[in-house]
Amino acid sequence: VHLAEQAAGNRDFIRCSLGELLEGTAPAKPDERAVTVFSPFGLGI
């Protein structure tokens, strides 16, 4: 994801966090047929 940010020059390709999905505040998936990638860095919390 870091390398993708460097290639794109932004983080716009990240739709949301898992926490936002749990809270119901995430934007809808733009294309239901798209492959979804969950990339968890692994948080100390």
ModelCIF file with pLDDT and N, C-alpha, C, O atoms, coordinates in Angstrom:
data_MODEL
#
_entry.id   MODEL 
#
_entity.id                         1 
_entity.type                       polymer 
_entity.pdbx_number_of_molecules   1 
#
_entity_poly.entity_id                      1 
_entity_poly.type                           'polypeptide(L)' 
_entity_poly.nstd_linkage                   no 
_entity_poly.nstd_monomer                   no 
_entity_poly.pdbx_seq_one_letter_code       VHLAEQAAGNRDFIRCSLGELLEGTAPAKPDERAVTVFSPFGLGI 
_entity_poly.pdbx_seq_one_letter_code_can   VHLAEQAAGNRDFIRCSLGELLEGTAPAKPDERAVTVFSPFGLGI 
_entity_poly.pdbx_strand_id                 A 
#
loop_
_entity_poly_seq.entity_id 
_entity_poly_seq.num 
_entity_poly_seq.mon_id 
_entity_poly_seq.hetero 
1 1  VAL n 
1 2  HIS n 
1 3  LEU n 
1 4  ALA n 
1 5  GLU n 
1 6  GLN n 
1 7  ALA n 
1 8  ALA n 
1 9  GLY n 
1 10 ASN n 
1 11 ARG n 
1 12 ASP n 
1 13 PHE n 
1 14 ILE n 
1 15 ARG n 
1 16 CYS n 
1 17 SER n 
1 18 LEU n 
1 19 GLY n 
1 20 GLU n 
1 21 LEU n 
1 22 LEU n 
1 23 GLU n 
1 24 GLY n 
1 25 THR n 
1 26 ALA n 
1 27 PRO n 
1 28 ALA n 
1 29 LYS n 
1 30 PRO n 
1 31 ASP n 
1 32 GLU n 
1 33 ARG n 
1 34 ALA n 
1 35 VAL n 
1 36 THR n 
1 37 VAL n 
1 38 PHE n 
1 39 SER n 
1 40 PRO n 
1 41 PHE n 
1 42 GLY n 
1 43 LEU n 
1 44 GLY n 
1 45 ILE n 
#
_struct_asym.id          A 
_struct_asym.entity_id   1 
#
loop_
_ma_qa_metric.id 
_ma_qa_metric.mode 
_ma_qa_metric.name 
_ma_qa_metric.software_group_id 
_ma_qa_metric.type 
1 global pLDDT . pLDDT 
2 local  pLDDT . pLDDT 
#
_ma_qa_metric_global.metric_id      1 
_ma_qa_metric_global.metric_value   97.13 
_ma_qa_metric_global.model_id       1 
_ma_qa_metric_global.ordinal_id     1 
#
loop_
_ma_qa_metric_local.label_asym_id 
_ma_qa_metric_local.label_comp_id 
_ma_qa_metric_local.label_seq_id 
_ma_qa_metric_local.metric_id 
_ma_qa_metric_local.metric_value 
_ma_qa_metric_local.model_id 
_ma_qa_metric_local.ordinal_id 
A VAL 1  2 98.00 1 1  
A HIS 2  2 98.00 1 2  
A LEU 3  2 98.00 1 3  
A ALA 4  2 98.00 1 4  
A GLU 5  2 98.00 1 5  
A GLN 6  2 98.00 1 6  
A ALA 7  2 98.00 1 7  
A ALA 8  2 98.00 1 8  
A GLY 9  2 98.00 1 9  
A ASN 10 2 98.00 1 10 
A ARG 11 2 98.00 1 11 
A ASP 12 2 98.00 1 12 
A PHE 13 2 98.00 1 13 
A ILE 14 2 98.00 1 14 
A ARG 15 2 98.00 1 15 
A CYS 16 2 98.00 1 16 
A SER 17 2 98.00 1 17 
A LEU 18 2 98.00 1 18 
A GLY 19 2 98.00 1 19 
A GLU 20 2 98.00 1 20 
A LEU 21 2 98.00 1 21 
A LEU 22 2 98.00 1 22 
A GLU 23 2 97.00 1 23 
A GLY 24 2 96.00 1 24 
A THR 25 2 97.00 1 25 
A ALA 26 2 97.00 1 26 
A PRO 27 2 96.00 1 27 
A ALA 28 2 94.00 1 28 
A LYS 29 2 95.00 1 29 
A PRO 30 2 93.00 1 30 
A ASP 31 2 95.00 1 31 
A GLU 32 2 93.00 1 32 
A ARG 33 2 95.00 1 33 
A ALA 34 2 97.00 1 34 
A VAL 35 2 98.00 1 35 
A THR 36 2 98.00 1 36 
A VAL 37 2 98.00 1 37 
A PHE 38 2 98.00 1 38 
A SER 39 2 98.00 1 39 
A PRO 40 2 98.00 1 40 
A PHE 41 2 96.00 1 41 
A GLY 42 2 94.00 1 42 
A LEU 43 2 97.00 1 43 
A GLY 44 2 97.00 1 44 
A ILE 45 2 98.00 1 45 
#
loop_
_atom_site.group_PDB 
_atom_site.id 
_atom_site.type_symbol 
_atom_site.label_atom_id 
_atom_site.label_alt_id 
_atom_site.label_comp_id 
_atom_site.label_asym_id 
_atom_site.label_entity_id 
_atom_site.label_seq_id 
_atom_site.pdbx_PDB_ins_code 
_atom_site.Cartn_x 
_atom_site.Cartn_y 
_atom_site.Cartn_z 
_atom_site.occupancy 
_atom_site.B_iso_or_equiv 
_atom_site.pdbx_formal_charge 
_atom_site.auth_seq_id 
_atom_site.auth_comp_id 
_atom_site.auth_asym_id 
_atom_site.auth_atom_id 
_atom_site.pdbx_PDB_model_num 
ATOM 1   N N  . VAL A 1 1  ? 0.835   -1.198 0.000  1.00 98.00 ? 1  VAL A N  1 
ATOM 2   C CA . VAL A 1 1  ? 0.000   0.000  0.000  1.00 98.00 ? 1  VAL A CA 1 
ATOM 3   C C  . VAL A 1 1  ? 0.874   1.254  0.000  1.00 98.00 ? 1  VAL A C  1 
ATOM 4   O O  . VAL A 1 1  ? 0.552   2.240  -0.663 1.00 98.00 ? 1  VAL A O  1 
ATOM 5   N N  . HIS A 1 2  ? 1.967   1.213  0.737  1.00 98.00 ? 2  HIS A N  1 
ATOM 6   C CA . HIS A 1 2  ? 2.917   2.325  0.748  1.00 98.00 ? 2  HIS A CA 1 
ATOM 7   C C  . HIS A 1 2  ? 3.505   2.550  -0.645 1.00 98.00 ? 2  HIS A C  1 
ATOM 8   O O  . HIS A 1 2  ? 3.603   3.688  -1.105 1.00 98.00 ? 2  HIS A O  1 
ATOM 9   N N  . LEU A 1 3  ? 3.892   1.471  -1.308 1.00 98.00 ? 3  LEU A N  1 
ATOM 10  C CA . LEU A 1 3  ? 4.442   1.577  -2.659 1.00 98.00 ? 3  LEU A CA 1 
ATOM 11  C C  . LEU A 1 3  ? 3.388   2.095  -3.637 1.00 98.00 ? 3  LEU A C  1 
ATOM 12  O O  . LEU A 1 3  ? 3.698   2.854  -4.556 1.00 98.00 ? 3  LEU A O  1 
ATOM 13  N N  . ALA A 1 4  ? 2.137   1.675  -3.427 1.00 98.00 ? 4  ALA A N  1 
ATOM 14  C CA . ALA A 1 4  ? 1.052   2.168  -4.287 1.00 98.00 ? 4  ALA A CA 1 
ATOM 15  C C  . ALA A 1 4  ? 0.840   3.663  -4.075 1.00 98.00 ? 4  ALA A C  1 
ATOM 16  O O  . ALA A 1 4  ? 0.580   4.396  -5.028 1.00 98.00 ? 4  ALA A O  1 
ATOM 17  N N  . GLU A 1 5  ? 0.951   4.117  -2.824 1.00 98.00 ? 5  GLU A N  1 
ATOM 18  C CA . GLU A 1 5  ? 0.839   5.547  -2.544 1.00 98.00 ? 5  GLU A CA 1 
ATOM 19  C C  . GLU A 1 5  ? 1.953   6.325  -3.258 1.00 98.00 ? 5  GLU A C  1 
ATOM 20  O O  . GLU A 1 5  ? 1.709   7.391  -3.822 1.00 98.00 ? 5  GLU A O  1 
ATOM 21  N N  . GLN A 1 6  ? 3.150   5.792  -3.228 1.00 98.00 ? 6  GLN A N  1 
ATOM 22  C CA . GLN A 1 6  ? 4.260   6.459  -3.902 1.00 98.00 ? 6  GLN A CA 1 
ATOM 23  C C  . GLN A 1 6  ? 4.032   6.505  -5.412 1.00 98.00 ? 6  GLN A C  1 
ATOM 24  O O  . GLN A 1 6  ? 4.359   7.496  -6.065 1.00 98.00 ? 6  GLN A O  1 
ATOM 25  N N  . ALA A 1 7  ? 3.474   5.437  -5.958 1.00 98.00 ? 7  ALA A N  1 
ATOM 26  C CA . ALA A 1 7  ? 3.223   5.392  -7.402 1.00 98.00 ? 7  ALA A CA 1 
ATOM 27  C C  . ALA A 1 7  ? 2.100   6.341  -7.804 1.00 98.00 ? 7  ALA A C  1 
ATOM 28  O O  . ALA A 1 7  ? 2.174   6.990  -8.847 1.00 98.00 ? 7  ALA A O  1 
ATOM 29  N N  . ALA A 1 8  ? 1.055   6.422  -6.973 1.00 98.00 ? 8  ALA A N  1 
ATOM 30  C CA . ALA A 1 8  ? -0.113  7.245  -7.312 1.00 98.00 ? 8  ALA A CA 1 
ATOM 31  C C  . ALA A 1 8  ? 0.063   8.703  -6.920 1.00 98.00 ? 8  ALA A C  1 
ATOM 32  O O  . ALA A 1 8  ? -0.556  9.590  -7.508 1.00 98.00 ? 8  ALA A O  1 
ATOM 33  N N  . GLY A 1 9  ? 0.908   8.950  -5.924 1.00 98.00 ? 9  GLY A N  1 
ATOM 34  C CA . GLY A 1 9  ? 1.074   10.309 -5.424 1.00 98.00 ? 9  GLY A CA 1 
ATOM 35  C C  . GLY A 1 9  ? 0.005   10.733 -4.454 1.00 98.00 ? 9  GLY A C  1 
ATOM 36  O O  . GLY A 1 9  ? -0.055  11.902 -4.073 1.00 98.00 ? 9  GLY A O  1 
ATOM 37  N N  . ASN A 1 10 ? -0.849  9.803  -4.040 1.00 98.00 ? 10 ASN A N  1 
ATOM 38  C CA . ASN A 1 10 ? -1.919  10.100 -3.086 1.00 98.00 ? 10 ASN A CA 1 
ATOM 39  C C  . ASN A 1 10 ? -2.439  8.797  -2.493 1.00 98.00 ? 10 ASN A C  1 
ATOM 40  O O  . ASN A 1 10 ? -1.986  7.708  -2.847 1.00 98.00 ? 10 ASN A O  1 
ATOM 41  N N  . ARG A 1 11 ? -3.404  8.935  -1.581 1.00 98.00 ? 11 ARG A N  1 
ATOM 42  C CA . ARG A 1 11 ? -4.026  7.766  -0.963 1.00 98.00 ? 11 ARG A CA 1 
ATOM 43  C C  . ARG A 1 11 ? -5.492  7.618  -1.371 1.00 98.00 ? 11 ARG A C  1 
ATOM 44  O O  . ARG A 1 11 ? -6.262  6.945  -0.686 1.00 98.00 ? 11 ARG A O  1 
ATOM 45  N N  . ASP A 1 12 ? -5.868  8.228  -2.455 1.00 98.00 ? 12 ASP A N  1 
ATOM 46  C CA . ASP A 1 12 ? -7.270  8.199  -2.867 1.00 98.00 ? 12 ASP A CA 1 
ATOM 47  C C  . ASP A 1 12 ? -7.760  6.798  -3.188 1.00 98.00 ? 12 ASP A C  1 
ATOM 48  O O  . ASP A 1 12 ? -8.966  6.553  -3.203 1.00 98.00 ? 12 ASP A O  1 
ATOM 49  N N  . PHE A 1 13 ? -6.843  5.877  -3.446 1.00 98.00 ? 13 PHE A N  1 
ATOM 50  C CA . PHE A 1 13 ? -7.237  4.503  -3.774 1.00 98.00 ? 13 PHE A CA 1 
ATOM 51  C C  . PHE A 1 13 ? -7.694  3.725  -2.536 1.00 98.00 ? 13 PHE A C  1 
ATOM 52  O O  . PHE A 1 13 ? -8.258  2.639  -2.672 1.00 98.00 ? 13 PHE A O  1 
ATOM 53  N N  . ILE A 1 14 ? -7.463  4.257  -1.340 1.00 98.00 ? 14 ILE A N  1 
ATOM 54  C CA . ILE A 1 14 ? -7.945  3.625  -0.109 1.00 98.00 ? 14 ILE A CA 1 
ATOM 55  C C  . ILE A 1 14 ? -9.368  4.102  0.144  1.00 98.00 ? 14 ILE A C  1 
ATOM 56  O O  . ILE A 1 14 ? -9.599  5.295  0.341  1.00 98.00 ? 14 ILE A O  1 
ATOM 57  N N  . ARG A 1 15 ? -10.317 3.182  0.140  1.00 98.00 ? 15 ARG A N  1 
ATOM 58  C CA . ARG A 1 15 ? -11.720 3.579  0.324  1.00 98.00 ? 15 ARG A CA 1 
ATOM 59  C C  . ARG A 1 15 ? -12.017 3.906  1.779  1.00 98.00 ? 15 ARG A C  1 
ATOM 60  O O  . ARG A 1 15 ? -12.660 4.916  2.062  1.00 98.00 ? 15 ARG A O  1 
ATOM 61  N N  . CYS A 1 16 ? -11.560 3.070  2.707  1.00 98.00 ? 16 CYS A N  1 
ATOM 62  C CA . CYS A 1 16 ? -11.934 3.274  4.113  1.00 98.00 ? 16 CYS A CA 1 
ATOM 63  C C  . CYS A 1 16 ? -11.121 2.345  4.995  1.00 98.00 ? 16 CYS A C  1 
ATOM 64  O O  . CYS A 1 16 ? -10.302 1.562  4.512  1.00 98.00 ? 16 CYS A O  1 
ATOM 65  N N  . SER A 1 17 ? -11.359 2.443  6.294  1.00 98.00 ? 17 SER A N  1 
ATOM 66  C CA . SER A 1 17 ? -10.769 1.522  7.265  1.00 98.00 ? 17 SER A CA 1 
ATOM 67  C C  . SER A 1 17 ? -11.819 0.506  7.703  1.00 98.00 ? 17 SER A C  1 
ATOM 68  O O  . SER A 1 17 ? -13.019 0.717  7.525  1.00 98.00 ? 17 SER A O  1 
ATOM 69  N N  . LEU A 1 18 ? -11.353 -0.583 8.270  1.00 98.00 ? 18 LEU A N  1 
ATOM 70  C CA . LEU A 1 18 ? -12.273 -1.595 8.793  1.00 98.00 ? 18 LEU A CA 1 
ATOM 71  C C  . LEU A 1 18 ? -13.115 -1.013 9.925  1.00 98.00 ? 18 LEU A C  1 
ATOM 72  O O  . LEU A 1 18 ? -14.297 -1.333 10.048 1.00 98.00 ? 18 LEU A O  1 
ATOM 73  N N  . GLY A 1 19 ? -12.509 -0.160 10.752 1.00 98.00 ? 19 GLY A N  1 
ATOM 74  C CA . GLY A 1 19 ? -13.264 0.473  11.829 1.00 98.00 ? 19 GLY A CA 1 
ATOM 75  C C  . GLY A 1 19 ? -14.417 1.309  11.312 1.00 98.00 ? 19 GLY A C  1 
ATOM 76  O O  . GLY A 1 19 ? -15.493 1.319  11.910 1.00 98.00 ? 19 GLY A O  1 
ATOM 77  N N  . GLU A 1 20 ? -14.205 2.013  10.202 1.00 98.00 ? 20 GLU A N  1 
ATOM 78  C CA . GLU A 1 20 ? -15.286 2.809  9.605  1.00 98.00 ? 20 GLU A CA 1 
ATOM 79  C C  . GLU A 1 20 ? -16.398 1.916  9.089  1.00 98.00 ? 20 GLU A C  1 
ATOM 80  O O  . GLU A 1 20 ? -17.571 2.279  9.170  1.00 98.00 ? 20 GLU A O  1 
ATOM 81  N N  . LEU A 1 21 ? -16.048 0.748  8.557  1.00 98.00 ? 21 LEU A N  1 
ATOM 82  C CA . LEU A 1 21 ? -17.075 -0.203 8.148  1.00 98.00 ? 21 LEU A CA 1 
ATOM 83  C C  . LEU A 1 21 ? -17.873 -0.682 9.350  1.00 98.00 ? 21 LEU A C  1 
ATOM 84  O O  . LEU A 1 21 ? -19.096 -0.796 9.276  1.00 98.00 ? 21 LEU A O  1 
ATOM 85  N N  . LEU A 1 22 ? -17.197 -0.961 10.446 1.00 98.00 ? 22 LEU A N  1 
ATOM 86  C CA . LEU A 1 22 ? -17.885 -1.412 11.659 1.00 98.00 ? 22 LEU A CA 1 
ATOM 87  C C  . LEU A 1 22 ? -18.786 -0.321 12.227 1.00 98.00 ? 22 LEU A C  1 
ATOM 88  O O  . LEU A 1 22 ? -19.857 -0.610 12.761 1.00 98.00 ? 22 LEU A O  1 
ATOM 89  N N  . GLU A 1 23 ? -18.352 0.930  12.114 1.00 97.00 ? 23 GLU A N  1 
ATOM 90  C CA . GLU A 1 23 ? -19.128 2.050  12.627 1.00 97.00 ? 23 GLU A CA 1 
ATOM 91  C C  . GLU A 1 23 ? -20.211 2.503  11.652 1.00 97.00 ? 23 GLU A C  1 
ATOM 92  O O  . GLU A 1 23 ? -21.053 3.328  12.007 1.00 97.00 ? 23 GLU A O  1 
ATOM 93  N N  . GLY A 1 24 ? -20.202 1.977  10.439 1.00 96.00 ? 24 GLY A N  1 
ATOM 94  C CA . GLY A 1 24 ? -21.204 2.355  9.453  1.00 96.00 ? 24 GLY A CA 1 
ATOM 95  C C  . GLY A 1 24 ? -20.972 3.714  8.833  1.00 96.00 ? 24 GLY A C  1 
ATOM 96  O O  . GLY A 1 24 ? -21.908 4.325  8.317  1.00 96.00 ? 24 GLY A O  1 
ATOM 97  N N  . THR A 1 25 ? -19.731 4.205  8.872  1.00 97.00 ? 25 THR A N  1 
ATOM 98  C CA . THR A 1 25 ? -19.418 5.537  8.329  1.00 97.00 ? 25 THR A CA 1 
ATOM 99  C C  . THR A 1 25 ? -18.608 5.469  7.039  1.00 97.00 ? 25 THR A C  1 
ATOM 100 O O  . THR A 1 25 ? -18.203 6.508  6.517  1.00 97.00 ? 25 THR A O  1 
ATOM 101 N N  . ALA A 1 26 ? -18.365 4.282  6.521  1.00 97.00 ? 26 ALA A N  1 
ATOM 102 C CA . ALA A 1 26 ? -17.535 4.140  5.322  1.00 97.00 ? 26 ALA A CA 1 
ATOM 103 C C  . ALA A 1 26 ? -18.352 4.390  4.065  1.00 97.00 ? 26 ALA A C  1 
ATOM 104 O O  . ALA A 1 26 ? -19.544 4.084  4.028  1.00 97.00 ? 26 ALA A O  1 
ATOM 105 N N  . PRO A 1 27 ? -17.724 4.941  3.038  1.00 96.00 ? 27 PRO A N  1 
ATOM 106 C CA . PRO A 1 27 ? -18.422 5.065  1.752  1.00 96.00 ? 27 PRO A CA 1 
ATOM 107 C C  . PRO A 1 27 ? -18.686 3.694  1.146  1.00 96.00 ? 27 PRO A C  1 
ATOM 108 O O  . PRO A 1 27 ? -17.972 2.732  1.428  1.00 96.00 ? 27 PRO A O  1 
ATOM 109 N N  . ALA A 1 28 ? -19.704 3.614  0.323  1.00 94.00 ? 28 ALA A N  1 
ATOM 110 C CA . ALA A 1 28 ? -20.066 2.346  -0.303 1.00 94.00 ? 28 ALA A CA 1 
ATOM 111 C C  . ALA A 1 28 ? -18.993 1.906  -1.288 1.00 94.00 ? 28 ALA A C  1 
ATOM 112 O O  . ALA A 1 28 ? -18.296 2.735  -1.874 1.00 94.00 ? 28 ALA A O  1 
ATOM 113 N N  . LYS A 1 29 ? -18.868 0.615  -1.462 1.00 95.00 ? 29 LYS A N  1 
ATOM 114 C CA . LYS A 1 29 ? -17.954 0.082  -2.458 1.00 95.00 ? 29 LYS A CA 1 
ATOM 115 C C  . LYS A 1 29 ? -18.415 0.533  -3.842 1.00 95.00 ? 29 LYS A C  1 
ATOM 116 O O  . LYS A 1 29 ? -19.574 0.327  -4.200 1.00 95.00 ? 29 LYS A O  1 
ATOM 117 N N  . PRO A 1 30 ? -17.530 1.142  -4.621 1.00 93.00 ? 30 PRO A N  1 
ATOM 118 C CA . PRO A 1 30 ? -17.975 1.730  -5.891 1.00 93.00 ? 30 PRO A CA 1 
ATOM 119 C C  . PRO A 1 30 ? -18.399 0.708  -6.932 1.00 93.00 ? 30 PRO A C  1 
ATOM 120 O O  . PRO A 1 30 ? -19.241 1.002  -7.780 1.00 93.00 ? 30 PRO A O  1 
ATOM 121 N N  . ASP A 1 31 ? -17.826 -0.491 -6.879 1.00 95.00 ? 31 ASP A N  1 
ATOM 122 C CA . ASP A 1 31 ? -18.142 -1.529 -7.860 1.00 95.00 ? 31 ASP A CA 1 
ATOM 123 C C  . ASP A 1 31 ? -18.173 -2.871 -7.136 1.00 95.00 ? 31 ASP A C  1 
ATOM 124 O O  . ASP A 1 31 ? -17.139 -3.354 -6.676 1.00 95.00 ? 31 ASP A O  1 
ATOM 125 N N  . GLU A 1 32 ? -19.345 -3.468 -7.035 1.00 93.00 ? 32 GLU A N  1 
ATOM 126 C CA . GLU A 1 32 ? -19.491 -4.710 -6.286 1.00 93.00 ? 32 GLU A CA 1 
ATOM 127 C C  . GLU A 1 32 ? -18.705 -5.859 -6.909 1.00 93.00 ? 32 GLU A C  1 
ATOM 128 O O  . GLU A 1 32 ? -18.416 -6.845 -6.230 1.00 93.00 ? 32 GLU A O  1 
ATOM 129 N N  . ARG A 1 33 ? -18.360 -5.751 -8.171 1.00 95.00 ? 33 ARG A N  1 
ATOM 130 C CA . ARG A 1 33 ? -17.603 -6.817 -8.826 1.00 95.00 ? 33 ARG A CA 1 
ATOM 131 C C  . ARG A 1 33 ? -16.094 -6.665 -8.636 1.00 95.00 ? 33 ARG A C  1 
ATOM 132 O O  . ARG A 1 33 ? -15.332 -7.575 -8.965 1.00 95.00 ? 33 ARG A O  1 
ATOM 133 N N  . ALA A 1 34 ? -15.664 -5.530 -8.110 1.00 97.00 ? 34 ALA A N  1 
ATOM 134 C CA . ALA A 1 34 ? -14.234 -5.295 -7.916 1.00 97.00 ? 34 ALA A CA 1 
ATOM 135 C C  . ALA A 1 34 ? -13.672 -6.205 -6.826 1.00 97.00 ? 34 ALA A C  1 
ATOM 136 O O  . ALA A 1 34 ? -14.372 -6.565 -5.880 1.00 97.00 ? 34 ALA A O  1 
ATOM 137 N N  . VAL A 1 35 ? -12.406 -6.570 -6.974 1.00 98.00 ? 35 VAL A N  1 
ATOM 138 C CA . VAL A 1 35 ? -11.711 -7.320 -5.930 1.00 98.00 ? 35 VAL A CA 1 
ATOM 139 C C  . VAL A 1 35 ? -11.388 -6.368 -4.787 1.00 98.00 ? 35 VAL A C  1 
ATOM 140 O O  . VAL A 1 35 ? -10.861 -5.278 -5.010 1.00 98.00 ? 35 VAL A O  1 
ATOM 141 N N  . THR A 1 36 ? -11.704 -6.780 -3.565 1.00 98.00 ? 36 THR A N  1 
ATOM 142 C CA . THR A 1 36 ? -11.388 -5.976 -2.386 1.00 98.00 ? 36 THR A CA 1 
ATOM 143 C C  . THR A 1 36 ? -10.152 -6.537 -1.699 1.00 98.00 ? 36 THR A C  1 
ATOM 144 O O  . THR A 1 36 ? -10.054 -7.742 -1.467 1.00 98.00 ? 36 THR A O  1 
ATOM 145 N N  . VAL A 1 37 ? -9.219  -5.667 -1.378 1.00 98.00 ? 37 VAL A N  1 
ATOM 146 C CA . VAL A 1 37 ? -8.006  -6.060 -0.658 1.00 98.00 ? 37 VAL A CA 1 
ATOM 147 C C  . VAL A 1 37 ? -8.050  -5.427 0.727  1.00 98.00 ? 37 VAL A C  1 
ATOM 148 O O  . VAL A 1 37 ? -8.167  -4.209 0.862  1.00 98.00 ? 37 VAL A O  1 
ATOM 149 N N  . PHE A 1 38 ? -7.954  -6.266 1.753  1.00 98.00 ? 38 PHE A N  1 
ATOM 150 C CA . PHE A 1 38 ? -7.835  -5.773 3.137  1.00 98.00 ? 38 PHE A CA 1 
ATOM 151 C C  . PHE A 1 38 ? -6.376  -5.862 3.541  1.00 98.00 ? 38 PHE A C  1 
ATOM 152 O O  . PHE A 1 38 ? -5.804  -6.950 3.599  1.00 98.00 ? 38 PHE A O  1 
ATOM 153 N N  . SER A 1 39 ? -5.776  -4.710 3.819  1.00 98.00 ? 39 SER A N  1 
ATOM 154 C CA . SER A 1 39 ? -4.353  -4.635 4.178  1.00 98.00 ? 39 SER A CA 1 
ATOM 155 C C  . SER A 1 39 ? -4.223  -4.119 5.604  1.00 98.00 ? 39 SER A C  1 
ATOM 156 O O  . SER A 1 39 ? -4.264  -2.907 5.814  1.00 98.00 ? 39 SER A O  1 
ATOM 157 N N  . PRO A 1 40 ? -4.068  -4.997 6.589  1.00 98.00 ? 40 PRO A N  1 
ATOM 158 C CA . PRO A 1 40 ? -3.927  -4.557 7.979  1.00 98.00 ? 40 PRO A CA 1 
ATOM 159 C C  . PRO A 1 40 ? -2.466  -4.469 8.397  1.00 98.00 ? 40 PRO A C  1 
ATOM 160 O O  . PRO A 1 40 ? -1.750  -5.470 8.380  1.00 98.00 ? 40 PRO A O  1 
ATOM 161 N N  . PHE A 1 41 ? -2.026  -3.274 8.772  1.00 96.00 ? 41 PHE A N  1 
ATOM 162 C CA . PHE A 1 41 ? -0.647  -3.123 9.221  1.00 96.00 ? 41 PHE A CA 1 
ATOM 163 C C  . PHE A 1 41 ? -0.425  -3.865 10.536 1.00 96.00 ? 41 PHE A C  1 
ATOM 164 O O  . PHE A 1 41 ? 0.684   -4.312 10.828 1.00 96.00 ? 41 PHE A O  1 
ATOM 165 N N  . GLY A 1 42 ? -1.488  -3.992 11.324 1.00 94.00 ? 42 GLY A N  1 
ATOM 166 C CA . GLY A 1 42 ? -1.369  -4.632 12.627 1.00 94.00 ? 42 GLY A CA 1 
ATOM 167 C C  . GLY A 1 42 ? -1.165  -3.580 13.688 1.00 94.00 ? 42 GLY A C  1 
ATOM 168 O O  . GLY A 1 42 ? -0.049  -3.108 13.903 1.00 94.00 ? 42 GLY A O  1 
ATOM 169 N N  . LEU A 1 43 ? -2.252  -3.209 14.359 1.00 97.00 ? 43 LEU A N  1 
ATOM 170 C CA . LEU A 1 43 ? -2.218  -2.083 15.286 1.00 97.00 ? 43 LEU A CA 1 
ATOM 171 C C  . LEU A 1 43 ? -2.007  -2.562 16.721 1.00 97.00 ? 43 LEU A C  1 
ATOM 172 O O  . LEU A 1 43 ? -2.571  -3.570 17.146 1.00 97.00 ? 43 LEU A O  1 
ATOM 173 N N  . GLY A 1 44 ? -1.181  -1.816 17.454 1.00 97.00 ? 44 GLY A N  1 
ATOM 174 C CA . GLY A 1 44 ? -0.911  -2.185 18.839 1.00 97.00 ? 44 GLY A CA 1 
ATOM 175 C C  . GLY A 1 44 ? -2.139  -2.188 19.726 1.00 97.00 ? 44 GLY A C  1 
ATOM 176 O O  . GLY A 1 44 ? -2.159  -2.876 20.747 1.00 97.00 ? 44 GLY A O  1 
ATOM 177 N N  . ILE A 1 45 ? -3.170  -1.430 19.355 1.00 98.00 ? 45 ILE A N  1 
ATOM 178 C CA . ILE A 1 45 ? -4.392  -1.434 20.159 1.00 98.00 ? 45 ILE A CA 1 
ATOM 179 C C  . ILE A 1 45 ? -5.046  -2.805 20.177 1.00 98.00 ? 45 ILE A C  1 
ATOM 180 O O  . ILE A 1 45 ? -6.087  -2.985 20.809 1.00 98.00 ? 45 ILE A O  1 
#
